[in-house]
Amino acid sequence: QAWAGQKSFKPKSGDRSGSGSGNEMPDFRGQKRGNQTHESTTDPESRLYRKADGAESKLAFLGHVLMDNREGLVGEVRLTQANGYGEREAALEMIEERTQGGKRRITVGADKGYDTKDVARDWRAAGATPHVAQITKQHPSAIDGRTTRHVGYAQSQKVRKRIEEVFGWMKTIGLMRQTKYRGQDRVGWMFVFTAAAYNLVRMRRLIPQPG
């Protein structure tokens, strides 16, 4: 969550004073507000975003993490503006970084949000086998039996859920649930710093302790 409140989300042109004064909350009922027409006067680089249908929209950035599936260490991080393309674009960038542009082969576990033909094609071209959870109800999955038949696919699906441990630690212990900085560069720097701190804590637990 960005360091900016709903009262700062105002039209990009025209009257930006809002209907509230002081700590009074403006009345937004009946108003159409979106990132195309409005922006935060506190942090213009943040975007109005909601994680799921029915959830509250908040000014935010998106943090992305690529985790090693053996030791649970953070391998790559990105921070992007909160939009509908940030997750997939950041995932591809991080994969290309780990495969060195396709020179190395890796497998990448992910949830159903990545089960699309475009993702499967782009990841394979980048040198990654997509171990993505299958969508079986809305449409045919982009991940077929050539991938799911392997033992590694089931292992990836089990281990991928540990990514929540990373985000949970970064939000609570790392204090990243709501940033105290403004602007994508500063927030991104803090996101990288917090991920590095998580790795240090994680590595300490992985090192065998003398008896």
N, C-alpha and C. Protein backbone atom coordinates (compact mmCIF):
# COMPACT_ATOMS: atom_id res chain seq x y z
N GLN A 1 0.84 -1.18 0.00
CA GLN A 1 0.00 0.00 0.00
C GLN A 1 0.88 1.24 0.00
N ALA A 2 0.52 2.22 -0.83
CA ALA A 2 1.31 3.43 -0.96
C ALA A 2 1.12 4.34 0.24
N TRP A 3 2.08 5.25 0.42
CA TRP A 3 1.99 6.24 1.49
C TRP A 3 1.17 7.42 0.97
N ALA A 4 -0.10 7.14 0.71
CA ALA A 4 -1.01 8.15 0.17
C ALA A 4 -2.43 7.72 0.50
N GLY A 5 -3.27 8.67 0.85
CA GLY A 5 -4.64 8.38 1.23
C GLY A 5 -5.62 8.61 0.10
N GLN A 6 -6.85 8.14 0.32
CA GLN A 6 -7.88 8.27 -0.71
C GLN A 6 -8.22 9.73 -1.00
N LYS A 7 -8.05 10.59 -0.01
CA LYS A 7 -8.38 12.00 -0.23
C LYS A 7 -7.43 12.66 -1.23
N SER A 8 -6.25 12.05 -1.42
CA SER A 8 -5.28 12.63 -2.35
C SER A 8 -5.53 12.23 -3.79
N PHE A 9 -6.48 11.32 -4.03
CA PHE A 9 -6.74 10.80 -5.38
C PHE A 9 -7.74 11.73 -6.06
N LYS A 10 -7.22 12.61 -6.91
CA LYS A 10 -8.02 13.68 -7.46
C LYS A 10 -7.90 13.73 -8.98
N PRO A 11 -8.84 14.41 -9.65
CA PRO A 11 -8.77 14.50 -11.12
C PRO A 11 -7.44 15.06 -11.60
N LYS A 12 -6.95 14.53 -12.72
CA LYS A 12 -5.68 15.00 -13.27
C LYS A 12 -5.79 16.42 -13.82
N SER A 13 -7.00 16.81 -14.19
CA SER A 13 -7.22 18.16 -14.69
C SER A 13 -8.46 18.73 -14.04
N GLY A 14 -8.55 20.04 -14.01
CA GLY A 14 -9.73 20.66 -13.42
C GLY A 14 -9.55 20.87 -11.94
N ASP A 15 -10.65 20.85 -11.19
CA ASP A 15 -10.63 21.12 -9.75
C ASP A 15 -9.99 19.97 -9.02
N ARG A 16 -8.86 20.20 -8.35
CA ARG A 16 -8.15 19.18 -7.59
C ARG A 16 -8.27 19.41 -6.10
N SER A 17 -9.15 20.32 -5.71
CA SER A 17 -9.26 20.64 -4.29
C SER A 17 -10.07 19.62 -3.52
N GLY A 18 -10.98 18.90 -4.23
CA GLY A 18 -11.80 17.91 -3.54
C GLY A 18 -12.93 18.59 -2.80
N SER A 19 -13.84 17.80 -2.23
CA SER A 19 -15.00 18.35 -1.55
C SER A 19 -14.81 18.40 -0.05
N GLY A 20 -13.67 17.85 0.45
CA GLY A 20 -13.44 17.83 1.89
C GLY A 20 -12.49 18.94 2.28
N SER A 21 -12.43 19.20 3.59
CA SER A 21 -11.51 20.19 4.13
C SER A 21 -10.94 19.62 5.42
N GLY A 22 -9.65 19.90 5.66
CA GLY A 22 -9.04 19.36 6.85
C GLY A 22 -9.02 17.85 6.81
N ASN A 23 -9.52 17.24 7.89
CA ASN A 23 -9.57 15.78 7.96
C ASN A 23 -10.91 15.23 7.50
N GLU A 24 -11.78 16.08 6.98
CA GLU A 24 -13.08 15.62 6.50
C GLU A 24 -12.90 14.77 5.25
N MET A 25 -13.56 13.63 5.22
CA MET A 25 -13.45 12.73 4.07
C MET A 25 -14.39 13.17 2.97
N PRO A 26 -13.89 13.42 1.76
CA PRO A 26 -14.78 13.81 0.66
C PRO A 26 -15.79 12.71 0.35
N ASP A 27 -16.91 13.10 -0.19
CA ASP A 27 -17.95 12.14 -0.58
C ASP A 27 -17.73 11.76 -2.04
N PHE A 28 -17.28 10.49 -2.28
CA PHE A 28 -16.99 10.05 -3.63
C PHE A 28 -18.16 9.29 -4.25
N ARG A 29 -19.27 9.15 -3.52
CA ARG A 29 -20.39 8.37 -4.05
C ARG A 29 -20.91 8.99 -5.34
N GLY A 30 -21.11 8.12 -6.35
CA GLY A 30 -21.62 8.58 -7.63
C GLY A 30 -20.54 9.07 -8.58
N GLN A 31 -19.30 9.17 -8.06
CA GLN A 31 -18.20 9.63 -8.91
C GLN A 31 -17.45 8.43 -9.51
N LYS A 32 -17.08 8.54 -10.76
CA LYS A 32 -16.25 7.53 -11.40
C LYS A 32 -14.80 7.96 -11.27
N ARG A 33 -14.04 7.16 -10.56
CA ARG A 33 -12.63 7.48 -10.35
C ARG A 33 -11.78 6.34 -10.87
N GLY A 34 -10.79 6.65 -11.66
CA GLY A 34 -9.91 5.62 -12.21
C GLY A 34 -8.53 6.19 -12.47
N ASN A 35 -7.60 5.31 -12.72
CA ASN A 35 -6.22 5.73 -12.94
C ASN A 35 -6.03 6.53 -14.21
N GLN A 36 -6.98 6.40 -15.15
CA GLN A 36 -6.87 7.16 -16.40
C GLN A 36 -7.23 8.62 -16.19
N THR A 37 -8.11 8.90 -15.24
CA THR A 37 -8.60 10.26 -15.05
C THR A 37 -8.15 10.91 -13.75
N HIS A 38 -7.68 10.10 -12.78
CA HIS A 38 -7.31 10.61 -11.48
C HIS A 38 -5.88 10.18 -11.12
N GLU A 39 -5.28 10.90 -10.20
CA GLU A 39 -3.99 10.50 -9.65
C GLU A 39 -3.84 11.07 -8.25
N SER A 40 -2.94 10.49 -7.50
CA SER A 40 -2.70 10.96 -6.14
C SER A 40 -1.81 12.19 -6.17
N THR A 41 -2.21 13.22 -5.44
CA THR A 41 -1.37 14.40 -5.32
C THR A 41 -0.23 14.16 -4.34
N THR A 42 -0.34 13.12 -3.51
CA THR A 42 0.72 12.78 -2.56
C THR A 42 1.80 11.94 -3.22
N ASP A 43 1.39 10.90 -3.96
CA ASP A 43 2.34 10.04 -4.67
C ASP A 43 1.75 9.73 -6.05
N PRO A 44 2.05 10.58 -7.04
CA PRO A 44 1.46 10.41 -8.37
C PRO A 44 1.81 9.09 -9.06
N GLU A 45 2.88 8.42 -8.62
CA GLU A 45 3.28 7.16 -9.25
C GLU A 45 2.51 5.96 -8.71
N SER A 46 1.80 6.13 -7.61
CA SER A 46 0.96 5.04 -7.11
C SER A 46 -0.30 4.93 -7.97
N ARG A 47 -0.95 3.78 -7.89
CA ARG A 47 -2.16 3.55 -8.68
C ARG A 47 -3.25 2.95 -7.80
N LEU A 48 -4.50 3.29 -8.11
CA LEU A 48 -5.63 2.70 -7.40
C LEU A 48 -5.76 1.25 -7.82
N TYR A 49 -5.81 0.34 -6.84
CA TYR A 49 -5.74 -1.09 -7.15
C TYR A 49 -6.50 -1.88 -6.09
N ARG A 50 -7.13 -2.97 -6.53
CA ARG A 50 -7.75 -3.90 -5.58
C ARG A 50 -7.34 -5.32 -5.93
N LYS A 51 -7.08 -6.10 -4.91
CA LYS A 51 -6.52 -7.44 -5.09
C LYS A 51 -7.55 -8.42 -5.63
N ALA A 52 -8.82 -8.23 -5.30
CA ALA A 52 -9.84 -9.18 -5.73
C ALA A 52 -11.19 -8.49 -5.81
N ASP A 53 -12.13 -9.11 -6.52
CA ASP A 53 -13.48 -8.56 -6.61
C ASP A 53 -14.09 -8.45 -5.21
N GLY A 54 -14.67 -7.30 -4.91
CA GLY A 54 -15.27 -7.09 -3.61
C GLY A 54 -14.31 -6.50 -2.59
N ALA A 55 -13.01 -6.50 -2.89
CA ALA A 55 -12.03 -5.94 -1.98
C ALA A 55 -11.97 -4.43 -2.14
N GLU A 56 -11.48 -3.76 -1.12
CA GLU A 56 -11.37 -2.31 -1.15
C GLU A 56 -10.23 -1.88 -2.07
N SER A 57 -10.47 -0.87 -2.88
CA SER A 57 -9.43 -0.33 -3.74
C SER A 57 -8.54 0.60 -2.91
N LYS A 58 -7.22 0.46 -3.10
CA LYS A 58 -6.27 1.28 -2.38
C LYS A 58 -5.18 1.76 -3.32
N LEU A 59 -4.58 2.87 -2.98
CA LEU A 59 -3.42 3.35 -3.73
C LEU A 59 -2.25 2.46 -3.38
N ALA A 60 -1.58 1.92 -4.40
CA ALA A 60 -0.59 0.88 -4.13
C ALA A 60 0.43 0.78 -5.24
N PHE A 61 1.48 0.00 -4.95
CA PHE A 61 2.43 -0.50 -5.93
C PHE A 61 2.34 -2.03 -5.89
N LEU A 62 2.92 -2.70 -6.89
CA LEU A 62 2.95 -4.16 -6.90
C LEU A 62 4.39 -4.63 -6.70
N GLY A 63 4.57 -5.49 -5.70
CA GLY A 63 5.87 -6.09 -5.45
C GLY A 63 5.88 -7.52 -5.96
N HIS A 64 6.93 -7.93 -6.67
CA HIS A 64 7.01 -9.25 -7.29
C HIS A 64 8.27 -9.96 -6.81
N VAL A 65 8.13 -11.25 -6.54
CA VAL A 65 9.25 -12.03 -6.01
C VAL A 65 9.37 -13.35 -6.76
N LEU A 66 10.59 -13.71 -7.15
CA LEU A 66 10.89 -15.04 -7.70
C LEU A 66 11.71 -15.77 -6.65
N MET A 67 11.19 -16.89 -6.18
CA MET A 67 11.79 -17.62 -5.05
C MET A 67 12.42 -18.92 -5.50
N ASP A 68 13.59 -19.23 -4.94
CA ASP A 68 14.22 -20.52 -5.16
C ASP A 68 13.36 -21.61 -4.52
N ASN A 69 13.08 -22.70 -5.27
CA ASN A 69 12.16 -23.71 -4.75
C ASN A 69 12.84 -24.77 -3.90
N ARG A 70 14.14 -24.64 -3.67
CA ARG A 70 14.84 -25.62 -2.83
C ARG A 70 15.03 -25.09 -1.40
N GLU A 71 15.55 -23.87 -1.30
CA GLU A 71 15.84 -23.31 0.02
C GLU A 71 14.88 -22.21 0.44
N GLY A 72 14.00 -21.80 -0.48
CA GLY A 72 13.04 -20.75 -0.14
C GLY A 72 13.64 -19.36 -0.08
N LEU A 73 14.78 -19.16 -0.77
CA LEU A 73 15.42 -17.86 -0.78
C LEU A 73 14.91 -17.01 -1.95
N VAL A 74 14.90 -15.71 -1.76
CA VAL A 74 14.47 -14.79 -2.81
C VAL A 74 15.59 -14.67 -3.84
N GLY A 75 15.26 -14.93 -5.11
CA GLY A 75 16.25 -14.85 -6.17
C GLY A 75 16.17 -13.58 -6.98
N GLU A 76 14.96 -13.08 -7.21
CA GLU A 76 14.76 -11.86 -7.99
C GLU A 76 13.57 -11.10 -7.42
N VAL A 77 13.62 -9.78 -7.49
CA VAL A 77 12.49 -8.95 -7.06
C VAL A 77 12.28 -7.83 -8.06
N ARG A 78 11.07 -7.38 -8.17
CA ARG A 78 10.72 -6.22 -8.98
C ARG A 78 9.61 -5.46 -8.26
N LEU A 79 9.56 -4.16 -8.46
CA LEU A 79 8.44 -3.35 -7.99
C LEU A 79 7.92 -2.55 -9.16
N THR A 80 6.63 -2.67 -9.44
CA THR A 80 6.02 -2.00 -10.59
C THR A 80 4.81 -1.21 -10.15
N GLN A 81 4.30 -0.41 -11.06
CA GLN A 81 3.03 0.24 -10.81
C GLN A 81 1.93 -0.82 -10.79
N ALA A 82 0.88 -0.53 -10.05
CA ALA A 82 -0.21 -1.48 -9.89
C ALA A 82 -1.14 -1.40 -11.10
N ASN A 83 -0.98 -2.36 -12.01
CA ASN A 83 -1.86 -2.41 -13.17
C ASN A 83 -2.09 -3.87 -13.56
N GLY A 84 -2.87 -4.09 -14.58
CA GLY A 84 -3.23 -5.44 -14.97
C GLY A 84 -2.14 -6.20 -15.68
N TYR A 85 -1.02 -5.53 -15.99
CA TYR A 85 0.05 -6.19 -16.74
C TYR A 85 1.32 -6.37 -15.91
N GLY A 86 1.39 -5.72 -14.76
CA GLY A 86 2.61 -5.71 -13.98
C GLY A 86 3.11 -7.09 -13.57
N GLU A 87 2.19 -7.95 -13.13
CA GLU A 87 2.61 -9.26 -12.64
C GLU A 87 3.27 -10.09 -13.72
N ARG A 88 2.64 -10.19 -14.87
CA ARG A 88 3.17 -11.05 -15.94
C ARG A 88 4.44 -10.47 -16.56
N GLU A 89 4.48 -9.14 -16.71
CA GLU A 89 5.67 -8.52 -17.27
C GLU A 89 6.86 -8.68 -16.33
N ALA A 90 6.62 -8.48 -15.03
CA ALA A 90 7.69 -8.62 -14.05
C ALA A 90 8.16 -10.07 -13.96
N ALA A 91 7.22 -11.01 -14.03
CA ALA A 91 7.59 -12.43 -13.97
C ALA A 91 8.52 -12.80 -15.13
N LEU A 92 8.19 -12.33 -16.33
CA LEU A 92 9.01 -12.64 -17.50
C LEU A 92 10.40 -12.01 -17.37
N GLU A 93 10.46 -10.79 -16.87
CA GLU A 93 11.76 -10.13 -16.68
C GLU A 93 12.62 -10.90 -15.69
N MET A 94 12.03 -11.34 -14.60
CA MET A 94 12.79 -12.06 -13.58
C MET A 94 13.25 -13.42 -14.10
N ILE A 95 12.39 -14.08 -14.88
CA ILE A 95 12.77 -15.37 -15.47
C ILE A 95 13.93 -15.20 -16.43
N GLU A 96 13.87 -14.19 -17.28
CA GLU A 96 14.95 -13.95 -18.25
C GLU A 96 16.26 -13.64 -17.54
N GLU A 97 16.17 -12.98 -16.40
CA GLU A 97 17.38 -12.69 -15.62
C GLU A 97 18.00 -13.98 -15.08
N ARG A 98 17.16 -14.90 -14.61
CA ARG A 98 17.68 -16.14 -14.03
C ARG A 98 18.17 -17.11 -15.09
N THR A 99 17.55 -17.09 -16.27
CA THR A 99 17.98 -18.01 -17.33
C THR A 99 19.05 -17.41 -18.22
N GLN A 100 19.43 -16.16 -17.93
CA GLN A 100 20.42 -15.44 -18.74
C GLN A 100 20.00 -15.40 -20.21
N GLY A 101 18.73 -15.03 -20.39
CA GLY A 101 18.21 -14.90 -21.75
C GLY A 101 17.98 -16.21 -22.46
N GLY A 102 17.73 -17.28 -21.70
CA GLY A 102 17.46 -18.58 -22.29
C GLY A 102 18.65 -19.52 -22.34
N LYS A 103 19.80 -19.09 -21.80
CA LYS A 103 21.00 -19.94 -21.81
C LYS A 103 20.90 -21.08 -20.78
N ARG A 104 20.13 -20.86 -19.74
CA ARG A 104 19.91 -21.88 -18.72
C ARG A 104 18.45 -22.31 -18.75
N ARG A 105 18.17 -23.54 -18.33
CA ARG A 105 16.80 -24.03 -18.25
C ARG A 105 16.38 -24.11 -16.79
N ILE A 106 15.20 -23.61 -16.49
CA ILE A 106 14.65 -23.70 -15.14
C ILE A 106 13.18 -24.07 -15.23
N THR A 107 12.60 -24.44 -14.11
CA THR A 107 11.15 -24.61 -14.00
C THR A 107 10.63 -23.53 -13.08
N VAL A 108 9.42 -23.06 -13.34
CA VAL A 108 8.84 -21.98 -12.55
C VAL A 108 7.42 -22.35 -12.15
N GLY A 109 7.19 -22.47 -10.85
CA GLY A 109 5.85 -22.73 -10.34
C GLY A 109 5.08 -21.44 -10.17
N ALA A 110 3.79 -21.47 -10.42
CA ALA A 110 2.95 -20.27 -10.28
C ALA A 110 1.49 -20.67 -10.15
N ASP A 111 0.65 -19.71 -9.76
CA ASP A 111 -0.77 -20.01 -9.55
C ASP A 111 -1.56 -19.93 -10.86
N LYS A 112 -2.87 -20.08 -10.75
CA LYS A 112 -3.73 -20.16 -11.93
C LYS A 112 -3.77 -18.85 -12.73
N GLY A 113 -3.38 -17.75 -12.11
CA GLY A 113 -3.40 -16.48 -12.81
C GLY A 113 -2.44 -16.44 -13.99
N TYR A 114 -1.51 -17.41 -14.04
CA TYR A 114 -0.53 -17.46 -15.12
C TYR A 114 -0.85 -18.54 -16.15
N ASP A 115 -2.00 -19.17 -16.03
CA ASP A 115 -2.36 -20.24 -16.96
C ASP A 115 -2.98 -19.64 -18.22
N THR A 116 -2.13 -19.10 -19.07
CA THR A 116 -2.56 -18.56 -20.36
C THR A 116 -1.58 -19.00 -21.43
N LYS A 117 -2.03 -19.01 -22.67
CA LYS A 117 -1.17 -19.42 -23.78
C LYS A 117 0.01 -18.47 -23.95
N ASP A 118 -0.23 -17.18 -23.74
CA ASP A 118 0.84 -16.19 -23.89
C ASP A 118 1.95 -16.41 -22.87
N VAL A 119 1.55 -16.67 -21.62
CA VAL A 119 2.54 -16.90 -20.56
C VAL A 119 3.35 -18.16 -20.85
N ALA A 120 2.66 -19.24 -21.20
CA ALA A 120 3.35 -20.50 -21.48
C ALA A 120 4.34 -20.33 -22.64
N ARG A 121 3.92 -19.61 -23.68
CA ARG A 121 4.80 -19.40 -24.84
C ARG A 121 6.01 -18.55 -24.47
N ASP A 122 5.77 -17.45 -23.76
CA ASP A 122 6.85 -16.53 -23.44
C ASP A 122 7.84 -17.15 -22.45
N TRP A 123 7.34 -17.88 -21.47
CA TRP A 123 8.24 -18.49 -20.49
C TRP A 123 9.11 -19.56 -21.15
N ARG A 124 8.52 -20.36 -22.01
CA ARG A 124 9.31 -21.40 -22.70
C ARG A 124 10.38 -20.76 -23.58
N ALA A 125 10.03 -19.67 -24.25
CA ALA A 125 10.99 -18.97 -25.09
C ALA A 125 12.13 -18.38 -24.27
N ALA A 126 11.83 -18.06 -23.01
CA ALA A 126 12.84 -17.48 -22.12
C ALA A 126 13.69 -18.54 -21.43
N GLY A 127 13.36 -19.82 -21.64
CA GLY A 127 14.14 -20.89 -21.04
C GLY A 127 13.54 -21.49 -19.78
N ALA A 128 12.24 -21.26 -19.55
CA ALA A 128 11.59 -21.77 -18.34
C ALA A 128 10.42 -22.68 -18.70
N THR A 129 10.35 -23.81 -18.01
CA THR A 129 9.19 -24.69 -18.15
C THR A 129 8.12 -24.22 -17.18
N PRO A 130 6.92 -23.84 -17.67
CA PRO A 130 5.89 -23.28 -16.79
C PRO A 130 5.17 -24.35 -15.98
N HIS A 131 5.51 -24.48 -14.71
CA HIS A 131 4.79 -25.36 -13.79
C HIS A 131 3.66 -24.56 -13.14
N VAL A 132 2.68 -24.24 -13.95
CA VAL A 132 1.58 -23.36 -13.55
C VAL A 132 0.36 -24.20 -13.18
N ALA A 133 -0.33 -23.80 -12.11
CA ALA A 133 -1.57 -24.46 -11.72
C ALA A 133 -2.59 -24.34 -12.85
N GLN A 134 -3.31 -25.43 -13.12
CA GLN A 134 -4.21 -25.46 -14.27
C GLN A 134 -5.59 -24.90 -13.95
N ILE A 135 -6.12 -24.15 -14.90
CA ILE A 135 -7.52 -23.75 -14.86
C ILE A 135 -8.29 -24.80 -15.67
N THR A 136 -9.24 -25.44 -15.05
CA THR A 136 -9.95 -26.53 -15.73
C THR A 136 -11.42 -26.24 -15.98
N LYS A 137 -11.95 -25.15 -15.47
CA LYS A 137 -13.39 -24.90 -15.59
C LYS A 137 -13.71 -23.90 -16.69
N GLN A 138 -13.06 -22.72 -16.68
CA GLN A 138 -13.42 -21.67 -17.63
C GLN A 138 -12.99 -21.99 -19.05
N HIS A 139 -11.80 -22.53 -19.23
CA HIS A 139 -11.28 -22.79 -20.58
C HIS A 139 -10.20 -23.85 -20.49
N PRO A 140 -9.82 -24.45 -21.60
CA PRO A 140 -8.76 -25.46 -21.57
C PRO A 140 -7.45 -24.86 -21.06
N SER A 141 -6.74 -25.62 -20.25
CA SER A 141 -5.49 -25.15 -19.68
C SER A 141 -4.40 -25.07 -20.75
N ALA A 142 -3.51 -24.09 -20.59
CA ALA A 142 -2.36 -23.97 -21.49
C ALA A 142 -1.26 -24.95 -21.10
N ILE A 143 -1.42 -25.61 -19.96
CA ILE A 143 -0.43 -26.58 -19.47
C ILE A 143 -1.02 -27.98 -19.66
N ASP A 144 -0.40 -28.78 -20.52
CA ASP A 144 -0.97 -30.09 -20.83
C ASP A 144 -0.17 -31.21 -20.16
N GLY A 145 -0.52 -32.43 -20.52
CA GLY A 145 0.06 -33.61 -19.90
C GLY A 145 1.55 -33.77 -20.10
N ARG A 146 2.10 -33.13 -21.11
CA ARG A 146 3.54 -33.21 -21.31
C ARG A 146 4.31 -32.59 -20.15
N THR A 147 3.65 -31.66 -19.46
CA THR A 147 4.26 -31.01 -18.30
C THR A 147 3.78 -31.63 -17.00
N THR A 148 2.47 -31.84 -16.88
CA THR A 148 1.91 -32.28 -15.60
C THR A 148 2.25 -33.73 -15.26
N ARG A 149 2.68 -34.53 -16.23
CA ARG A 149 2.98 -35.93 -15.95
C ARG A 149 4.26 -36.11 -15.15
N HIS A 150 5.11 -35.10 -15.13
CA HIS A 150 6.40 -35.22 -14.46
C HIS A 150 6.27 -35.00 -12.95
N VAL A 151 7.09 -35.70 -12.19
CA VAL A 151 7.08 -35.56 -10.72
C VAL A 151 7.41 -34.13 -10.32
N GLY A 152 8.28 -33.49 -11.07
CA GLY A 152 8.69 -32.14 -10.74
C GLY A 152 7.55 -31.15 -10.75
N TYR A 153 6.53 -31.41 -11.59
CA TYR A 153 5.38 -30.50 -11.64
C TYR A 153 4.64 -30.51 -10.31
N ALA A 154 4.39 -31.69 -9.78
CA ALA A 154 3.69 -31.80 -8.48
C ALA A 154 4.52 -31.17 -7.37
N GLN A 155 5.83 -31.33 -7.43
CA GLN A 155 6.69 -30.73 -6.42
C GLN A 155 6.64 -29.21 -6.50
N SER A 156 6.65 -28.69 -7.72
CA SER A 156 6.58 -27.24 -7.89
C SER A 156 5.27 -26.67 -7.34
N GLN A 157 4.18 -27.39 -7.58
CA GLN A 157 2.88 -26.93 -7.09
C GLN A 157 2.80 -26.93 -5.57
N LYS A 158 3.52 -27.83 -4.96
CA LYS A 158 3.54 -27.88 -3.50
C LYS A 158 4.43 -26.78 -2.92
N VAL A 159 5.61 -26.62 -3.50
CA VAL A 159 6.59 -25.68 -2.96
C VAL A 159 6.21 -24.22 -3.25
N ARG A 160 5.54 -23.96 -4.37
CA ARG A 160 5.26 -22.58 -4.77
C ARG A 160 4.47 -21.81 -3.71
N LYS A 161 3.70 -22.52 -2.90
CA LYS A 161 2.87 -21.86 -1.88
C LYS A 161 3.71 -21.23 -0.78
N ARG A 162 4.98 -21.63 -0.71
CA ARG A 162 5.86 -21.05 0.31
C ARG A 162 6.20 -19.60 0.00
N ILE A 163 5.84 -19.13 -1.19
CA ILE A 163 6.08 -17.73 -1.51
C ILE A 163 5.31 -16.83 -0.55
N GLU A 164 4.20 -17.36 0.01
CA GLU A 164 3.42 -16.59 0.96
C GLU A 164 4.21 -16.32 2.24
N GLU A 165 5.17 -17.20 2.57
CA GLU A 165 6.03 -16.96 3.72
C GLU A 165 6.88 -15.72 3.50
N VAL A 166 7.35 -15.56 2.26
CA VAL A 166 8.18 -14.40 1.92
C VAL A 166 7.35 -13.12 2.06
N PHE A 167 6.19 -13.11 1.42
CA PHE A 167 5.36 -11.91 1.47
C PHE A 167 4.87 -11.63 2.89
N GLY A 168 4.53 -12.68 3.63
CA GLY A 168 4.08 -12.50 5.00
C GLY A 168 5.15 -11.85 5.86
N TRP A 169 6.40 -12.31 5.72
CA TRP A 169 7.51 -11.74 6.50
C TRP A 169 7.76 -10.30 6.08
N MET A 170 7.76 -10.05 4.78
CA MET A 170 8.05 -8.70 4.29
C MET A 170 6.98 -7.71 4.73
N LYS A 171 5.72 -8.15 4.80
CA LYS A 171 4.64 -7.25 5.19
C LYS A 171 4.65 -6.96 6.69
N THR A 172 4.94 -7.97 7.50
CA THR A 172 4.84 -7.81 8.95
C THR A 172 6.18 -7.43 9.59
N ILE A 173 7.16 -8.30 9.50
CA ILE A 173 8.46 -8.03 10.09
C ILE A 173 9.18 -6.93 9.31
N GLY A 174 9.12 -7.00 7.98
CA GLY A 174 9.78 -6.01 7.14
C GLY A 174 9.02 -4.70 6.98
N LEU A 175 7.81 -4.63 7.54
CA LEU A 175 7.01 -3.40 7.54
C LEU A 175 6.68 -2.89 6.14
N MET A 176 6.46 -3.83 5.20
CA MET A 176 6.15 -3.43 3.83
C MET A 176 4.67 -3.49 3.50
N ARG A 177 3.83 -3.75 4.52
CA ARG A 177 2.39 -3.75 4.23
C ARG A 177 1.95 -2.39 3.70
N GLN A 178 2.49 -1.34 4.32
CA GLN A 178 2.30 0.02 3.78
C GLN A 178 3.65 0.72 3.86
N THR A 179 4.12 1.17 2.70
CA THR A 179 5.43 1.80 2.65
C THR A 179 5.40 3.17 3.33
N LYS A 180 6.55 3.61 3.79
CA LYS A 180 6.69 4.96 4.36
C LYS A 180 7.41 5.88 3.39
N TYR A 181 7.57 5.41 2.15
CA TYR A 181 8.26 6.19 1.14
C TYR A 181 7.31 6.50 -0.02
N ARG A 182 7.72 7.46 -0.83
CA ARG A 182 6.90 7.87 -1.97
C ARG A 182 7.73 7.78 -3.25
N GLY A 183 7.07 7.42 -4.34
CA GLY A 183 7.75 7.29 -5.61
C GLY A 183 8.23 5.87 -5.84
N GLN A 184 8.13 5.42 -7.08
CA GLN A 184 8.45 4.02 -7.39
C GLN A 184 9.91 3.69 -7.12
N ASP A 185 10.82 4.61 -7.37
CA ASP A 185 12.24 4.33 -7.16
C ASP A 185 12.54 4.09 -5.68
N ARG A 186 12.05 4.96 -4.81
CA ARG A 186 12.32 4.82 -3.39
C ARG A 186 11.63 3.60 -2.80
N VAL A 187 10.38 3.40 -3.18
CA VAL A 187 9.65 2.23 -2.68
C VAL A 187 10.32 0.95 -3.19
N GLY A 188 10.75 0.96 -4.45
CA GLY A 188 11.42 -0.20 -5.02
C GLY A 188 12.72 -0.51 -4.32
N TRP A 189 13.50 0.53 -3.99
CA TRP A 189 14.75 0.32 -3.26
C TRP A 189 14.48 -0.35 -1.91
N MET A 190 13.45 0.13 -1.22
CA MET A 190 13.13 -0.45 0.10
C MET A 190 12.63 -1.87 -0.04
N PHE A 191 11.93 -2.17 -1.12
CA PHE A 191 11.44 -3.52 -1.35
C PHE A 191 12.62 -4.49 -1.55
N VAL A 192 13.62 -4.06 -2.32
CA VAL A 192 14.81 -4.88 -2.53
C VAL A 192 15.57 -5.07 -1.21
N PHE A 193 15.72 -4.00 -0.44
CA PHE A 193 16.42 -4.06 0.83
C PHE A 193 15.73 -5.04 1.78
N THR A 194 14.41 -5.00 1.82
CA THR A 194 13.65 -5.89 2.71
C THR A 194 13.78 -7.35 2.27
N ALA A 195 13.79 -7.59 0.96
CA ALA A 195 13.97 -8.96 0.46
C ALA A 195 15.35 -9.49 0.83
N ALA A 196 16.37 -8.61 0.76
CA ALA A 196 17.72 -9.02 1.16
C ALA A 196 17.77 -9.37 2.64
N ALA A 197 17.07 -8.59 3.46
CA ALA A 197 17.02 -8.87 4.90
C ALA A 197 16.34 -10.22 5.16
N TYR A 198 15.29 -10.50 4.39
CA TYR A 198 14.63 -11.81 4.54
C TYR A 198 15.59 -12.94 4.24
N ASN A 199 16.38 -12.80 3.18
CA ASN A 199 17.35 -13.84 2.83
C ASN A 199 18.37 -14.07 3.94
N LEU A 200 18.83 -12.99 4.57
CA LEU A 200 19.80 -13.13 5.66
C LEU A 200 19.20 -13.91 6.82
N VAL A 201 17.96 -13.60 7.15
CA VAL A 201 17.28 -14.32 8.23
C VAL A 201 17.08 -15.78 7.84
N ARG A 202 16.67 -15.99 6.61
CA ARG A 202 16.43 -17.36 6.12
C ARG A 202 17.73 -18.17 6.09
N MET A 203 18.81 -17.59 5.63
CA MET A 203 20.08 -18.31 5.55
C MET A 203 20.61 -18.68 6.92
N ARG A 204 20.38 -17.84 7.90
CA ARG A 204 20.81 -18.16 9.25
C ARG A 204 20.15 -19.44 9.75
N ARG A 205 18.90 -19.62 9.35
CA ARG A 205 18.18 -20.84 9.78
C ARG A 205 18.63 -22.07 8.99
N LEU A 206 19.16 -21.86 7.79
CA LEU A 206 19.58 -22.97 6.97
C LEU A 206 20.97 -23.49 7.34
N ILE A 207 21.79 -22.63 7.94
CA ILE A 207 23.14 -23.04 8.30
C ILE A 207 23.09 -23.98 9.51
N PRO A 208 23.67 -25.16 9.42
CA PRO A 208 23.67 -26.09 10.57
C PRO A 208 24.34 -25.46 11.79
N GLN A 209 23.69 -25.59 12.91
CA GLN A 209 24.22 -25.04 14.15
C GLN A 209 25.09 -26.10 14.85
N PRO A 210 26.22 -25.68 15.42
CA PRO A 210 27.08 -26.65 16.13
C PRO A 210 26.36 -27.27 17.32
N GLY A 211 26.58 -28.57 17.53
CA GLY A 211 25.89 -29.27 18.60
C GLY A 211 26.45 -28.95 19.97
